[in-house]
Amino acid sequence: MILFFLKTGIIASIVFRNDLGFIYTLHLSVTPTSAQSSPPLEESSSSQSSSEQQASPREKSIKFTKIDLHPTKINHLQTNLLSKKGRGSDYEWLIDKMKSLCDDLGTKCEEKDGGLIINI
């Protein structure tokens, strides 16, 4: 429990549970950059053939497209995925808490497929 002293003199408490959390999946978009923007190849020794010099890896652009959050609960030293089990469940509490924290930071998330999805 974390206690906050507000300007009004009222003590507010926020409860976080350390047995609940998320496993996340990052979705990436990988696109090759154009050949014009790649750095020039180094010319080392004259013994290398031109095909060996051209075989260098090309640069790629990597962007995050979406994050999937899968709710979990630790019980008996084991991490388990949570499923929707009705009102007042750990799943509902965790999803509502994360939605609230995302809203506070201006991050949009939506509940889908048994978890949360954040589109970037």
PDB file of N, CA and C in Angstrom:
ATOM      1  N   MET A   1       0.849  -1.173   0.000  1.00  0.00           N
ATOM      2  CA  MET A   1       0.000   0.000   0.000  1.00  0.00           C
ATOM      3  C   MET A   1       0.891   1.231   0.000  1.00  0.00           C
ATOM      4  N   ILE A   2       0.535   2.185  -0.812  1.00  0.00           N
ATOM      5  CA  ILE A   2       1.257   3.444  -0.893  1.00  0.00           C
ATOM      6  C   ILE A   2       0.334   4.542  -0.386  1.00  0.00           C
ATOM      7  N   LEU A   3       0.827   5.372   0.550  1.00  0.00           N
ATOM      8  CA  LEU A   3       0.028   6.452   1.111  1.00  0.00           C
ATOM      9  C   LEU A   3       0.459   7.779   0.515  1.00  0.00           C
ATOM     10  N   PHE A   4      -0.510   8.618   0.183  1.00  0.00           N
ATOM     11  CA  PHE A   4      -0.261   9.956  -0.324  1.00  0.00           C
ATOM     12  C   PHE A   4      -0.958  10.953   0.575  1.00  0.00           C
ATOM     13  N   PHE A   5      -0.277  12.037   0.901  1.00  0.00           N
ATOM     14  CA  PHE A   5      -0.885  13.106   1.671  1.00  0.00           C
ATOM     15  C   PHE A   5      -1.314  14.192   0.693  1.00  0.00           C
ATOM     16  N   LEU A   6      -2.606  14.394   0.590  1.00  0.00           N
ATOM     17  CA  LEU A   6      -3.143  15.375  -0.353  1.00  0.00           C
ATOM     18  C   LEU A   6      -3.117  16.766   0.268  1.00  0.00           C
ATOM     19  N   LYS A   7      -3.244  17.805  -0.553  1.00  0.00           N
ATOM     20  CA  LYS A   7      -3.237  19.188  -0.068  1.00  0.00           C
ATOM     21  C   LYS A   7      -4.366  19.454   0.921  1.00  0.00           C
ATOM     22  N   THR A   8      -5.444  18.705   0.814  1.00  0.00           N
ATOM     23  CA  THR A   8      -6.595  18.912   1.697  1.00  0.00           C
ATOM     24  C   THR A   8      -6.378  18.286   3.072  1.00  0.00           C
ATOM     25  N   GLY A   9      -5.255  17.606   3.268  1.00  0.00           N
ATOM     26  CA  GLY A   9      -4.988  16.970   4.546  1.00  0.00           C
ATOM     27  C   GLY A   9      -5.511  15.548   4.627  1.00  0.00           C
ATOM     28  N   ILE A  10      -6.151  15.088   3.561  1.00  0.00           N
ATOM     29  CA  ILE A  10      -6.700  13.729   3.538  1.00  0.00           C
ATOM     30  C   ILE A  10      -5.610  12.775   3.078  1.00  0.00           C
ATOM     31  N   ILE A  11      -5.541  11.634   3.714  1.00  0.00           N
ATOM     32  CA  ILE A  11      -4.578  10.613   3.311  1.00  0.00           C
ATOM     33  C   ILE A  11      -5.263   9.680   2.321  1.00  0.00           C
ATOM     34  N   ALA A  12      -4.667   9.540   1.148  1.00  0.00           N
ATOM     35  CA  ALA A  12      -5.207   8.634   0.138  1.00  0.00           C
ATOM     36  C   ALA A  12      -4.268   7.444   0.011  1.00  0.00           C
ATOM     37  N   SER A  13      -4.828   6.284  -0.163  1.00  0.00           N
ATOM     38  CA  SER A  13      -3.991   5.098  -0.328  1.00  0.00           C
ATOM     39  C   SER A  13      -4.271   4.453  -1.679  1.00  0.00           C
ATOM     40  N   ILE A  14      -3.213   3.943  -2.274  1.00  0.00           N
ATOM     41  CA  ILE A  14      -3.325   3.224  -3.535  1.00  0.00           C
ATOM     42  C   ILE A  14      -2.765   1.834  -3.297  1.00  0.00           C
ATOM     43  N   VAL A  15      -3.528   0.836  -3.661  1.00  0.00           N
ATOM     44  CA  VAL A  15      -3.108  -0.535  -3.429  1.00  0.00           C
ATOM     45  C   VAL A  15      -2.648  -1.151  -4.749  1.00  0.00           C
ATOM     46  N   PHE A  16      -1.417  -1.644  -4.750  1.00  0.00           N
ATOM     47  CA  PHE A  16      -0.895  -2.394  -5.884  1.00  0.00           C
ATOM     48  C   PHE A  16      -0.604  -3.802  -5.402  1.00  0.00           C
ATOM     49  N   ARG A  17      -0.855  -4.760  -6.239  1.00  0.00           N
ATOM     50  CA  ARG A  17      -0.620  -6.159  -5.875  1.00  0.00           C
ATOM     51  C   ARG A  17       0.579  -6.665  -6.642  1.00  0.00           C
ATOM     52  N   ASN A  18       1.524  -7.257  -5.921  1.00  0.00           N
ATOM     53  CA  ASN A  18       2.725  -7.739  -6.590  1.00  0.00           C
ATOM     54  C   ASN A  18       2.571  -9.150  -7.148  1.00  0.00           C
ATOM     55  N   ASP A  19       1.415  -9.780  -6.976  1.00  0.00           N
ATOM     56  CA  ASP A  19       1.196 -11.108  -7.555  1.00  0.00           C
ATOM     57  C   ASP A  19       0.543 -11.036  -8.931  1.00  0.00           C
ATOM     58  N   LEU A  20       0.131  -9.841  -9.345  1.00  0.00           N
ATOM     59  CA  LEU A  20      -0.510  -9.665 -10.654  1.00  0.00           C
ATOM     60  C   LEU A  20       0.408  -8.867 -11.566  1.00  0.00           C
ATOM     61  N   GLY A  21       0.414  -9.211 -12.827  1.00  0.00           N
ATOM     62  CA  GLY A  21       1.257  -8.501 -13.790  1.00  0.00           C
ATOM     63  C   GLY A  21       0.853  -8.843 -15.210  1.00  0.00           C
ATOM     64  N   PHE A  22       1.751  -8.584 -16.133  1.00  0.00           N
ATOM     65  CA  PHE A  22       1.486  -8.831 -17.549  1.00  0.00           C
ATOM     66  C   PHE A  22       2.693  -9.474 -18.211  1.00  0.00           C
ATOM     67  N   ILE A  23       2.422 -10.340 -19.147  1.00  0.00           N
ATOM     68  CA  ILE A  23       3.419 -10.786 -20.116  1.00  0.00           C
ATOM     69  C   ILE A  23       3.076 -10.012 -21.382  1.00  0.00           C
ATOM     70  N   TYR A  24       4.078  -9.492 -22.059  1.00  0.00           N
ATOM     71  CA  TYR A  24       3.783  -8.680 -23.236  1.00  0.00           C
ATOM     72  C   TYR A  24       4.430  -9.261 -24.484  1.00  0.00           C
ATOM     73  N   THR A  25       3.796  -8.960 -25.605  1.00  0.00           N
ATOM     74  CA  THR A  25       4.303  -9.327 -26.911  1.00  0.00           C
ATOM     75  C   THR A  25       4.471  -8.047 -27.715  1.00  0.00           C
ATOM     76  N   LEU A  26       5.675  -7.808 -28.219  1.00  0.00           N
ATOM     77  CA  LEU A  26       5.935  -6.635 -29.043  1.00  0.00           C
ATOM     78  C   LEU A  26       5.797  -7.021 -30.509  1.00  0.00           C
ATOM     79  N   HIS A  27       5.052  -6.252 -31.265  1.00  0.00           N
ATOM     80  CA  HIS A  27       4.911  -6.467 -32.702  1.00  0.00           C
ATOM     81  C   HIS A  27       5.751  -5.413 -33.410  1.00  0.00           C
ATOM     82  N   LEU A  28       6.595  -5.869 -34.315  1.00  0.00           N
ATOM     83  CA  LEU A  28       7.515  -4.989 -35.012  1.00  0.00           C
ATOM     84  C   LEU A  28       7.241  -4.985 -36.505  1.00  0.00           C
ATOM     85  N   SER A  29       7.569  -3.880 -37.126  1.00  0.00           N
ATOM     86  CA  SER A  29       7.536  -3.777 -38.580  1.00  0.00           C
ATOM     87  C   SER A  29       8.970  -3.546 -39.035  1.00  0.00           C
ATOM     88  N   VAL A  30       9.500  -4.472 -39.824  1.00  0.00           N
ATOM     89  CA  VAL A  30      10.873  -4.371 -40.308  1.00  0.00           C
ATOM     90  C   VAL A  30      10.834  -4.121 -41.812  1.00  0.00           C
ATOM     91  N   THR A  31      11.413  -3.001 -42.216  1.00  0.00           N
ATOM     92  CA  THR A  31      11.467  -2.673 -43.644  1.00  0.00           C
ATOM     93  C   THR A  31      12.901  -2.340 -44.023  1.00  0.00           C
ATOM     94  N   PRO A  32      13.358  -2.841 -45.156  1.00  0.00           N
ATOM     95  CA  PRO A  32      14.720  -2.497 -45.587  1.00  0.00           C
ATOM     96  C   PRO A  32      14.783  -1.039 -46.020  1.00  0.00           C
ATOM     97  N   THR A  33      15.888  -0.406 -45.715  1.00  0.00           N
ATOM     98  CA  THR A  33      16.072   0.968 -46.178  1.00  0.00           C
ATOM     99  C   THR A  33      16.549   0.929 -47.620  1.00  0.00           C
ATOM    100  N   SER A  34      16.462   2.042 -48.280  1.00  0.00           N
ATOM    101  CA  SER A  34      16.860   2.070 -49.693  1.00  0.00           C
ATOM    102  C   SER A  34      18.369   1.879 -49.824  1.00  0.00           C
ATOM    103  N   ALA A  35      18.802   1.366 -50.948  1.00  0.00           N
ATOM    104  CA  ALA A  35      20.223   1.109 -51.186  1.00  0.00           C
ATOM    105  C   ALA A  35      21.016   2.408 -51.209  1.00  0.00           C
ATOM    106  N   GLN A  36      20.355   3.507 -51.544  1.00  0.00           N
ATOM    107  CA  GLN A  36      21.059   4.783 -51.612  1.00  0.00           C
ATOM    108  C   GLN A  36      21.467   5.279 -50.236  1.00  0.00           C
ATOM    109  N   SER A  37      20.690   4.929 -49.210  1.00  0.00           N
ATOM    110  CA  SER A  37      20.990   5.432 -47.879  1.00  0.00           C
ATOM    111  C   SER A  37      21.969   4.556 -47.110  1.00  0.00           C
ATOM    112  N   SER A  38      22.330   3.394 -47.683  1.00  0.00           N
ATOM    113  CA  SER A  38      23.273   2.524 -46.991  1.00  0.00           C
ATOM    114  C   SER A  38      24.682   3.084 -47.110  1.00  0.00           C
ATOM    115  N   PRO A  39      25.513   2.879 -46.074  1.00  0.00           N
ATOM    116  CA  PRO A  39      26.864   3.438 -46.115  1.00  0.00           C
ATOM    117  C   PRO A  39      27.699   2.757 -47.197  1.00  0.00           C
ATOM    118  N   PRO A  40      28.666   3.448 -47.719  1.00  0.00           N
ATOM    119  CA  PRO A  40      29.504   2.847 -48.765  1.00  0.00           C
ATOM    120  C   PRO A  40      30.315   1.699 -48.196  1.00  0.00           C
ATOM    121  N   LEU A  41      30.591   0.731 -49.046  1.00  0.00           N
ATOM    122  CA  LEU A  41      31.382  -0.424 -48.627  1.00  0.00           C
ATOM    123  C   LEU A  41      32.841  -0.022 -48.489  1.00  0.00           C
ATOM    124  N   GLU A  42      33.497  -0.618 -47.501  1.00  0.00           N
ATOM    125  CA  GLU A  42      34.920  -0.343 -47.320  1.00  0.00           C
ATOM    126  C   GLU A  42      35.719  -1.176 -48.311  1.00  0.00           C
ATOM    127  N   GLU A  43      36.736  -0.581 -48.864  1.00  0.00           N
ATOM    128  CA  GLU A  43      37.609  -1.326 -49.763  1.00  0.00           C
ATOM    129  C   GLU A  43      38.842  -1.690 -48.967  1.00  0.00           C
ATOM    130  N   SER A  44      38.982  -2.986 -48.667  1.00  0.00           N
ATOM    131  CA  SER A  44      40.128  -3.399 -47.856  1.00  0.00           C
ATOM    132  C   SER A  44      41.269  -3.871 -48.732  1.00  0.00           C
ATOM    133  N   SER A  45      41.321  -5.121 -49.036  1.00  0.00           N
ATOM    134  CA  SER A  45      42.430  -5.637 -49.849  1.00  0.00           C
ATOM    135  C   SER A  45      41.931  -5.944 -51.252  1.00  0.00           C
ATOM    136  N   SER A  46      42.816  -5.955 -52.180  1.00  0.00           N
ATOM    137  CA  SER A  46      42.437  -6.220 -53.566  1.00  0.00           C
ATOM    138  C   SER A  46      42.180  -7.700 -53.809  1.00  0.00           C
ATOM    139  N   SER A  47      42.453  -8.558 -52.798  1.00  0.00           N
ATOM    140  CA  SER A  47      42.247  -9.994 -52.988  1.00  0.00           C
ATOM    141  C   SER A  47      40.772 -10.378 -52.888  1.00  0.00           C
ATOM    142  N   GLN A  48      39.924  -9.508 -52.315  1.00  0.00           N
ATOM    143  CA  GLN A  48      38.493  -9.827 -52.220  1.00  0.00           C
ATOM    144  C   GLN A  48      37.829  -9.569 -53.558  1.00  0.00           C
ATOM    145  N   SER A  49      36.922 -10.450 -53.921  1.00  0.00           N
ATOM    146  CA  SER A  49      36.190 -10.259 -55.169  1.00  0.00           C
ATOM    147  C   SER A  49      35.083  -9.232 -54.959  1.00  0.00           C
ATOM    148  N   SER A  50      34.545  -8.711 -56.015  1.00  0.00           N
ATOM    149  CA  SER A  50      33.480  -7.705 -55.912  1.00  0.00           C
ATOM    150  C   SER A  50      32.206  -8.300 -55.331  1.00  0.00           C
ATOM    151  N   SER A  51      31.953  -9.594 -55.552  1.00  0.00           N
ATOM    152  CA  SER A  51      30.750 -10.217 -54.987  1.00  0.00           C
ATOM    153  C   SER A  51      30.854 -10.349 -53.476  1.00  0.00           C
ATOM    154  N   GLU A  52      32.069 -10.549 -52.946  1.00  0.00           N
ATOM    155  CA  GLU A  52      32.239 -10.611 -51.495  1.00  0.00           C
ATOM    156  C   GLU A  52      32.001  -9.250 -50.877  1.00  0.00           C
ATOM    157  N   GLN A  53      32.411  -8.191 -51.550  1.00  0.00           N
ATOM    158  CA  GLN A  53      32.220  -6.851 -51.027  1.00  0.00           C
ATOM    159  C   GLN A  53      30.744  -6.462 -51.034  1.00  0.00           C
ATOM    160  N   GLN A  54      29.958  -6.926 -51.981  1.00  0.00           N
ATOM    161  CA  GLN A  54      28.553  -6.574 -52.067  1.00  0.00           C
ATOM    162  C   GLN A  54      27.682  -7.401 -51.144  1.00  0.00           C
ATOM    163  N   ALA A  55      28.216  -8.410 -50.495  1.00  0.00           N
ATOM    164  CA  ALA A  55      27.429  -9.294 -49.644  1.00  0.00           C
ATOM    165  C   ALA A  55      27.241  -8.756 -48.231  1.00  0.00           C
ATOM    166  N   SER A  56      27.504  -7.494 -47.998  1.00  0.00           N
ATOM    167  CA  SER A  56      27.336  -6.933 -46.657  1.00  0.00           C
ATOM    168  C   SER A  56      25.852  -6.804 -46.335  1.00  0.00           C
ATOM    169  N   PRO A  57      25.487  -6.899 -45.075  1.00  0.00           N
ATOM    170  CA  PRO A  57      24.071  -6.793 -44.706  1.00  0.00           C
ATOM    171  C   PRO A  57      23.547  -5.380 -44.960  1.00  0.00           C
ATOM    172  N   ARG A  58      22.298  -5.299 -45.342  1.00  0.00           N
ATOM    173  CA  ARG A  58      21.676  -3.998 -45.595  1.00  0.00           C
ATOM    174  C   ARG A  58      21.038  -3.479 -44.309  1.00  0.00           C
ATOM    175  N   GLU A  59      20.920  -2.185 -44.209  1.00  0.00           N
ATOM    176  CA  GLU A  59      20.287  -1.578 -43.048  1.00  0.00           C
ATOM    177  C   GLU A  59      18.782  -1.778 -43.124  1.00  0.00           C
ATOM    178  N   LYS A  60      18.165  -1.880 -41.952  1.00  0.00           N
ATOM    179  CA  LYS A  60      16.726  -2.061 -41.880  1.00  0.00           C
ATOM    180  C   LYS A  60      16.135  -1.061 -40.909  1.00  0.00           C
ATOM    181  N   SER A  61      14.929  -0.669 -41.183  1.00  0.00           N
ATOM    182  CA  SER A  61      14.187   0.216 -40.296  1.00  0.00           C
ATOM    183  C   SER A  61      13.231  -0.643 -39.455  1.00  0.00           C
ATOM    184  N   ILE A  62      13.307  -0.503 -38.140  1.00  0.00           N
ATOM    185  CA  ILE A  62      12.459  -1.290 -37.244  1.00  0.00           C
ATOM    186  C   ILE A  62      11.568  -0.335 -36.459  1.00  0.00           C
ATOM    187  N   LYS A  63      10.263  -0.591 -36.494  1.00  0.00           N
ATOM    188  CA  LYS A  63       9.296   0.244 -35.769  1.00  0.00           C
ATOM    189  C   LYS A  63       8.362  -0.648 -34.967  1.00  0.00           C
ATOM    190  N   PHE A  64       8.004  -0.195 -33.762  1.00  0.00           N
ATOM    191  CA  PHE A  64       6.987  -0.877 -32.976  1.00  0.00           C
ATOM    192  C   PHE A  64       5.624  -0.550 -33.570  1.00  0.00           C
ATOM    193  N   THR A  65       4.777  -1.553 -33.738  1.00  0.00           N
ATOM    194  CA  THR A  65       3.443  -1.302 -34.266  1.00  0.00           C
ATOM    195  C   THR A  65       2.361  -1.522 -33.210  1.00  0.00           C
ATOM    196  N   LYS A  66       2.611  -2.479 -32.307  1.00  0.00           N
ATOM    197  CA  LYS A  66       1.584  -2.777 -31.313  1.00  0.00           C
ATOM    198  C   LYS A  66       2.198  -3.579 -30.175  1.00  0.00           C
ATOM    199  N   ILE A  67       1.585  -3.471 -28.990  1.00  0.00           N
ATOM    200  CA  ILE A  67       1.986  -4.242 -27.821  1.00  0.00           C
ATOM    201  C   ILE A  67       0.763  -4.994 -27.313  1.00  0.00           C
ATOM    202  N   ASP A  68       0.879  -6.305 -27.164  1.00  0.00           N
ATOM    203  CA  ASP A  68      -0.177  -7.124 -26.553  1.00  0.00           C
ATOM    204  C   ASP A  68       0.196  -7.373 -25.104  1.00  0.00           C
ATOM    205  N   LEU A  69      -0.734  -7.099 -24.191  1.00  0.00           N
ATOM    206  CA  LEU A  69      -0.520  -7.347 -22.769  1.00  0.00           C
ATOM    207  C   LEU A  69      -1.413  -8.502 -22.335  1.00  0.00           C
ATOM    208  N   HIS A  70      -0.816  -9.557 -21.803  1.00  0.00           N
ATOM    209  CA  HIS A  70      -1.544 -10.733 -21.348  1.00  0.00           C
ATOM    210  C   HIS A  70      -1.481 -10.772 -19.824  1.00  0.00           C
ATOM    211  N   PRO A  71      -2.630 -10.650 -19.128  1.00  0.00           N
ATOM    212  CA  PRO A  71      -2.613 -10.598 -17.664  1.00  0.00           C
ATOM    213  C   PRO A  71      -2.189 -11.923 -17.038  1.00  0.00           C
ATOM    214  N   THR A  72      -1.377 -11.819 -15.969  1.00  0.00           N
ATOM    215  CA  THR A  72      -0.861 -13.003 -15.290  1.00  0.00           C
ATOM    216  C   THR A  72      -1.033 -12.874 -13.780  1.00  0.00           C
ATOM    217  N   LYS A  73      -0.977 -14.015 -13.119  1.00  0.00           N
ATOM    218  CA  LYS A  73      -1.005 -14.056 -11.657  1.00  0.00           C
ATOM    219  C   LYS A  73       0.007 -15.093 -11.189  1.00  0.00           C
ATOM    220  N   ILE A  74       0.800 -14.712 -10.178  1.00  0.00           N
ATOM    221  CA  ILE A  74       1.760 -15.640  -9.591  1.00  0.00           C
ATOM    222  C   ILE A  74       1.084 -16.327  -8.422  1.00  0.00           C
ATOM    223  N   ASN A  75       1.083 -17.660  -8.448  1.00  0.00           N
ATOM    224  CA  ASN A  75       0.465 -18.447  -7.387  1.00  0.00           C
ATOM    225  C   ASN A  75       1.314 -19.698  -7.179  1.00  0.00           C
ATOM    226  N   HIS A  76       1.733 -19.942  -5.956  1.00  0.00           N
ATOM    227  CA  HIS A  76       2.576 -21.099  -5.627  1.00  0.00           C
ATOM    228  C   HIS A  76       3.834 -21.143  -6.490  1.00  0.00           C
ATOM    229  N   LEU A  77       4.526 -19.999  -6.594  1.00  0.00           N
ATOM    230  CA  LEU A  77       5.780 -19.859  -7.353  1.00  0.00           C
ATOM    231  C   LEU A  77       5.631 -20.183  -8.836  1.00  0.00           C
ATOM    232  N   GLN A  78       4.432 -20.030  -9.369  1.00  0.00           N
ATOM    233  CA  GLN A  78       4.172 -20.326 -10.768  1.00  0.00           C
ATOM    234  C   GLN A  78       3.383 -19.170 -11.387  1.00  0.00           C
ATOM    235  N   THR A  79       3.777 -18.751 -12.584  1.00  0.00           N
ATOM    236  CA  THR A  79       3.066 -17.686 -13.287  1.00  0.00           C
ATOM    237  C   THR A  79       2.030 -18.297 -14.208  1.00  0.00           C
ATOM    238  N   ASN A  80       0.782 -17.839 -14.065  1.00  0.00           N
ATOM    239  CA  ASN A  80      -0.329 -18.362 -14.865  1.00  0.00           C
ATOM    240  C   ASN A  80      -1.049 -17.220 -15.554  1.00  0.00           C
ATOM    241  N   LEU A  81      -1.522 -17.481 -16.779  1.00  0.00           N
ATOM    242  CA  LEU A  81      -2.343 -16.501 -17.481  1.00  0.00           C
ATOM    243  C   LEU A  81      -3.709 -16.422 -16.819  1.00  0.00           C
ATOM    244  N   LEU A  82      -4.215 -15.203 -16.678  1.00  0.00           N
ATOM    245  CA  LEU A  82      -5.548 -15.010 -16.107  1.00  0.00           C
ATOM    246  C   LEU A  82      -6.597 -15.061 -17.209  1.00  0.00           C
ATOM    247  N   SER A  83      -7.758 -15.566 -16.864  1.00  0.00           N
ATOM    248  CA  SER A  83      -8.875 -15.560 -17.803  1.00  0.00           C
ATOM    249  C   SER A  83     -10.028 -14.803 -17.169  1.00  0.00           C
ATOM    250  N   LYS A  84     -10.925 -14.361 -18.002  1.00  0.00           N
ATOM    251  CA  LYS A  84     -12.089 -13.608 -17.546  1.00  0.00           C
ATOM    252  C   LYS A  84     -13.032 -14.537 -16.798  1.00  0.00           C
ATOM    253  N   LYS A  85     -13.266 -14.262 -15.518  1.00  0.00           N
ATOM    254  CA  LYS A  85     -14.124 -15.147 -14.727  1.00  0.00           C
ATOM    255  C   LYS A  85     -15.290 -14.411 -14.073  1.00  0.00           C
ATOM    256  N   GLY A  86     -15.684 -13.296 -14.614  1.00  0.00           N
ATOM    257  CA  GLY A  86     -16.826 -12.590 -14.055  1.00  0.00           C
ATOM    258  C   GLY A  86     -16.430 -11.345 -13.287  1.00  0.00           C
ATOM    259  N   ARG A  87     -17.406 -10.668 -12.771  1.00  0.00           N
ATOM    260  CA  ARG A  87     -17.225  -9.403 -12.074  1.00  0.00           C
ATOM    261  C   ARG A  87     -16.429  -9.597 -10.789  1.00  0.00           C
ATOM    262  N   GLY A  88     -15.502  -8.669 -10.514  1.00  0.00           N
ATOM    263  CA  GLY A  88     -14.742  -8.701  -9.274  1.00  0.00           C
ATOM    264  C   GLY A  88     -13.558  -9.653  -9.284  1.00  0.00           C
ATOM    265  N   SER A  89     -13.236 -10.217 -10.425  1.00  0.00           N
ATOM    266  CA  SER A  89     -12.127 -11.165 -10.499  1.00  0.00           C
ATOM    267  C   SER A  89     -10.792 -10.406 -10.579  1.00  0.00           C
ATOM    268  N   ASP A  90      -9.694 -11.141 -10.368  1.00  0.00           N
ATOM    269  CA  ASP A  90      -8.367 -10.554 -10.509  1.00  0.00           C
ATOM    270  C   ASP A  90      -8.150 -10.029 -11.916  1.00  0.00           C
ATOM    271  N   TYR A  91      -8.682 -10.729 -12.895  1.00  0.00           N
ATOM    272  CA  TYR A  91      -8.572 -10.307 -14.292  1.00  0.00           C
ATOM    273  C   TYR A  91      -9.187  -8.926 -14.469  1.00  0.00           C
ATOM    274  N   GLU A  92     -10.411  -8.749 -13.990  1.00  0.00           N
ATOM    275  CA  GLU A  92     -11.110  -7.462 -14.133  1.00  0.00           C
ATOM    276  C   GLU A  92     -10.356  -6.348 -13.415  1.00  0.00           C
ATOM    277  N   TRP A  93      -9.876  -6.635 -12.191  1.00  0.00           N
ATOM    278  CA  TRP A  93      -9.165  -5.623 -11.419  1.00  0.00           C
ATOM    279  C   TRP A  93      -7.900  -5.180 -12.156  1.00  0.00           C
ATOM    280  N   LEU A  94      -7.135  -6.140 -12.667  1.00  0.00           N
ATOM    281  CA  LEU A  94      -5.874  -5.842 -13.336  1.00  0.00           C
ATOM    282  C   LEU A  94      -6.101  -5.076 -14.639  1.00  0.00           C
ATOM    283  N   ILE A  95      -7.081  -5.493 -15.425  1.00  0.00           N
ATOM    284  CA  ILE A  95      -7.395  -4.807 -16.687  1.00  0.00           C
ATOM    285  C   ILE A  95      -7.856  -3.378 -16.401  1.00  0.00           C
ATOM    286  N   ASP A  96      -8.745  -3.212 -15.417  1.00  0.00           N
ATOM    287  CA  ASP A  96      -9.229  -1.867 -15.066  1.00  0.00           C
ATOM    288  C   ASP A  96      -8.096  -0.978 -14.568  1.00  0.00           C
ATOM    289  N   LYS A  97      -7.187  -1.531 -13.766  1.00  0.00           N
ATOM    290  CA  LYS A  97      -6.058  -0.760 -13.234  1.00  0.00           C
ATOM    291  C   LYS A  97      -5.134  -0.311 -14.367  1.00  0.00           C
ATOM    292  N   MET A  98      -4.827  -1.215 -15.300  1.00  0.00           N
ATOM    293  CA  MET A  98      -3.941  -0.852 -16.406  1.00  0.00           C
ATOM    294  C   MET A  98      -4.606   0.175 -17.325  1.00  0.00           C
ATOM    295  N   LYS A  99      -5.905   0.023 -17.581  1.00  0.00           N
ATOM    296  CA  LYS A  99      -6.619   1.015 -18.395  1.00  0.00           C
ATOM    297  C   LYS A  99      -6.554   2.388 -17.741  1.00  0.00           C
ATOM    298  N   SER A 100      -6.729   2.426 -16.415  1.00  0.00           N
ATOM    299  CA  SER A 100      -6.680   3.680 -15.676  1.00  0.00           C
ATOM    300  C   SER A 100      -5.285   4.309 -15.750  1.00  0.00           C
ATOM    301  N   LEU A 101      -4.242   3.505 -15.575  1.00  0.00           N
ATOM    302  CA  LEU A 101      -2.873   4.017 -15.654  1.00  0.00           C
ATOM    303  C   LEU A 101      -2.544   4.498 -17.067  1.00  0.00           C
ATOM    304  N   CYS A 102      -3.015   3.781 -18.082  1.00  0.00           N
ATOM    305  CA  CYS A 102      -2.801   4.209 -19.469  1.00  0.00           C
ATOM    306  C   CYS A 102      -3.512   5.527 -19.747  1.00  0.00           C
ATOM    307  N   ASP A 103      -4.747   5.654 -19.261  1.00  0.00           N
ATOM    308  CA  ASP A 103      -5.499   6.896 -19.452  1.00  0.00           C
ATOM    309  C   ASP A 103      -4.782   8.079 -18.804  1.00  0.00           C
ATOM    310  N   ASP A 104      -4.207   7.854 -17.618  1.00  0.00           N
ATOM    311  CA  ASP A 104      -3.485   8.921 -16.917  1.00  0.00           C
ATOM    312  C   ASP A 104      -2.311   9.441 -17.742  1.00  0.00           C
ATOM    313  N   LEU A 105      -1.706   8.571 -18.540  1.00  0.00           N
ATOM    314  CA  LEU A 105      -0.556   8.960 -19.356  1.00  0.00           C
ATOM    315  C   LEU A 105      -0.926   9.278 -20.805  1.00  0.00           C
ATOM    316  N   GLY A 106      -2.217   9.215 -21.124  1.00  0.00           N
ATOM    317  CA  GLY A 106      -2.666   9.533 -22.481  1.00  0.00           C
ATOM    318  C   GLY A 106      -2.428   8.422 -23.482  1.00  0.00           C
ATOM    319  N   THR A 107      -2.275   7.191 -23.008  1.00  0.00           N
ATOM    320  CA  THR A 107      -2.056   6.046 -23.884  1.00  0.00           C
ATOM    321  C   THR A 107      -3.380   5.335 -24.100  1.00  0.00           C
ATOM    322  N   LYS A 108      -3.731   5.088 -25.351  1.00  0.00           N
ATOM    323  CA  LYS A 108      -4.993   4.416 -25.653  1.00  0.00           C
ATOM    324  C   LYS A 108      -4.775   2.915 -25.713  1.00  0.00           C
ATOM    325  N   CYS A 109      -5.594   2.182 -24.988  1.00  0.00           N
ATOM    326  CA  CYS A 109      -5.524   0.720 -25.036  1.00  0.00           C
ATOM    327  C   CYS A 109      -6.945   0.178 -25.132  1.00  0.00           C
ATOM    328  N   GLU A 110      -7.061  -1.005 -25.693  1.00  0.00           N
ATOM    329  CA  GLU A 110      -8.375  -1.623 -25.828  1.00  0.00           C
ATOM    330  C   GLU A 110      -8.299  -3.079 -25.381  1.00  0.00           C
ATOM    331  N   GLU A 111      -9.382  -3.534 -24.789  1.00  0.00           N
ATOM    332  CA  GLU A 111      -9.451  -4.913 -24.323  1.00  0.00           C
ATOM    333  C   GLU A 111      -9.856  -5.803 -25.504  1.00  0.00           C
ATOM    334  N   LYS A 112      -9.057  -6.850 -25.727  1.00  0.00           N
ATOM    335  CA  LYS A 112      -9.325  -7.734 -26.847  1.00  0.00           C
ATOM    336  C   LYS A 112      -8.601  -9.056 -26.633  1.00  0.00           C
ATOM    337  N   ASP A 113      -9.224 -10.142 -26.983  1.00  0.00           N
ATOM    338  CA  ASP A 113      -8.608 -11.470 -26.948  1.00  0.00           C
ATOM    339  C   ASP A 113      -8.017 -11.822 -25.590  1.00  0.00           C
ATOM    340  N   GLY A 114      -8.717 -11.518 -24.521  1.00  0.00           N
ATOM    341  CA  GLY A 114      -8.249 -11.901 -23.182  1.00  0.00           C
ATOM    342  C   GLY A 114      -7.109 -11.067 -22.651  1.00  0.00           C
ATOM    343  N   GLY A 115      -6.954  -9.855 -23.138  1.00  0.00           N
ATOM    344  CA  GLY A 115      -5.886  -8.974 -22.662  1.00  0.00           C
ATOM    345  C   GLY A 115      -6.082  -7.569 -23.181  1.00  0.00           C
ATOM    346  N   LEU A 116      -5.014  -6.813 -23.184  1.00  0.00           N
ATOM    347  CA  LEU A 116      -5.052  -5.430 -23.670  1.00  0.00           C
ATOM    348  C   LEU A 116      -4.148  -5.298 -24.893  1.00  0.00           C
ATOM    349  N   ILE A 117      -4.546  -4.412 -25.792  1.00  0.00           N
ATOM    350  CA  ILE A 117      -3.754  -4.121 -26.974  1.00  0.00           C
ATOM    351  C   ILE A 117      -3.494  -2.616 -27.014  1.00  0.00           C
ATOM    352  N   ILE A 118      -2.221  -2.255 -27.193  1.00  0.00           N
ATOM    353  CA  ILE A 118      -1.835  -0.853 -27.332  1.00  0.00           C
ATOM    354  C   ILE A 118      -1.282  -0.687 -28.741  1.00  0.00           C
ATOM    355  N   ASN A 119      -2.001   0.060 -29.576  1.00  0.00           N
ATOM    356  CA  ASN A 119      -1.541   0.342 -30.933  1.00  0.00           C
ATOM    357  C   ASN A 119      -0.644   1.571 -30.901  1.00  0.00           C
ATOM    358  N   ILE A 120       0.486   1.478 -31.587  1.00  0.00           N
ATOM    359  CA  ILE A 120       1.458   2.582 -31.561  1.00  0.00           C
ATOM    360  C   ILE A 120       1.462   3.261 -32.914  1.00  0.00           C
TER     361      ILE A 120
END
